[in-house]
Amino acid sequence: MPYEGMLAETVTFRGHNGDLIEGYYARPLGPGPFPGVAVIHHMPGWDEWCKEVTRKLAHHGYAAIDPNLYHRSGPGEPDDVAARVRAAGGVADDQVIGDLAGAMAYIRAQPYANGKVGTIGFCSGGRHAYLAACRLPELDAAVDCWGGNVVVDDPRQLSEQRPIAPIDLTEQLGCPLLGIFGNEDRNPTPDQVDRTEAELKRLGKNYTFHRYDGAGHGFFAVDRPAYRPEQATDAWKKVFAFYEQHLR
């Protein structure tokens, strides 16, 4: 049985425009080679649960980094920082993509990396995962967990920070995509998931969607009332099977 030790710590790396930002990084101890995963935190911010996810990935043999996409909004409790980010209209898509590219480069630069890097994102991070799959050709696999606003029905939802709906970039999607959704979610709604799937199918993309009855938004988050252990346990198995196929 392999030794199950890991190292988990906060690191700094170069993100969008060369800015030095923080990331929570966890990796298995040992020579590797290990595949990588960039964890994209949800709208509530760079919080304890997202760091737990990062360690979970390391436990399963991945070098994982969770970049603090709100780093530029200053220090503080995750809820307070997230409130400041929302008040400012959210994080710009270009900045997120730049930070993710930097996080992926950080993993690939490690001597124990196998060169393959995927991503997983939750809530707004699921939207960012879809966006990254369309905009970062160096990405090897993407997991969108209930990403809201991939489909935009109200043009007023678009802004200078988010000028385009990710679904409109689907033709550029360049890696396998896994989608995890709860059928009780309101953002994305089941209809929006249907329309995203129809576009992926129309363009012949490599994707798999799993949908869960009895689950709504955020059903992986163990520290929130929305947590659904049975559905989350099954969906995590789907995530790791997907990564085994595309990142090992």
Foldseek 3Di string as FASTA:
>chain_A
DDDQAKDWDKDWWQFPPRDIFIKIKMAGDDQALAAEEEEEEALLFDDDQSSVVRNVVRSVGYTYIYTGLLRVQDDDHSNVSSVVQVVVVHAALSRLLRRVVGVLVVQCPDSNYPQAYAYEYAACGLQSQLQNLQVPLSHAEGERELHFQLPDPDCVNADPRRNDRSLVSLLSRRYEYEYEAEQAEVGVHPVVVVVSVVSCVVNVHHYYYDYHYPAYGPCLRPVDPRDDVVSNVVVVVVVVVVCVVTGD
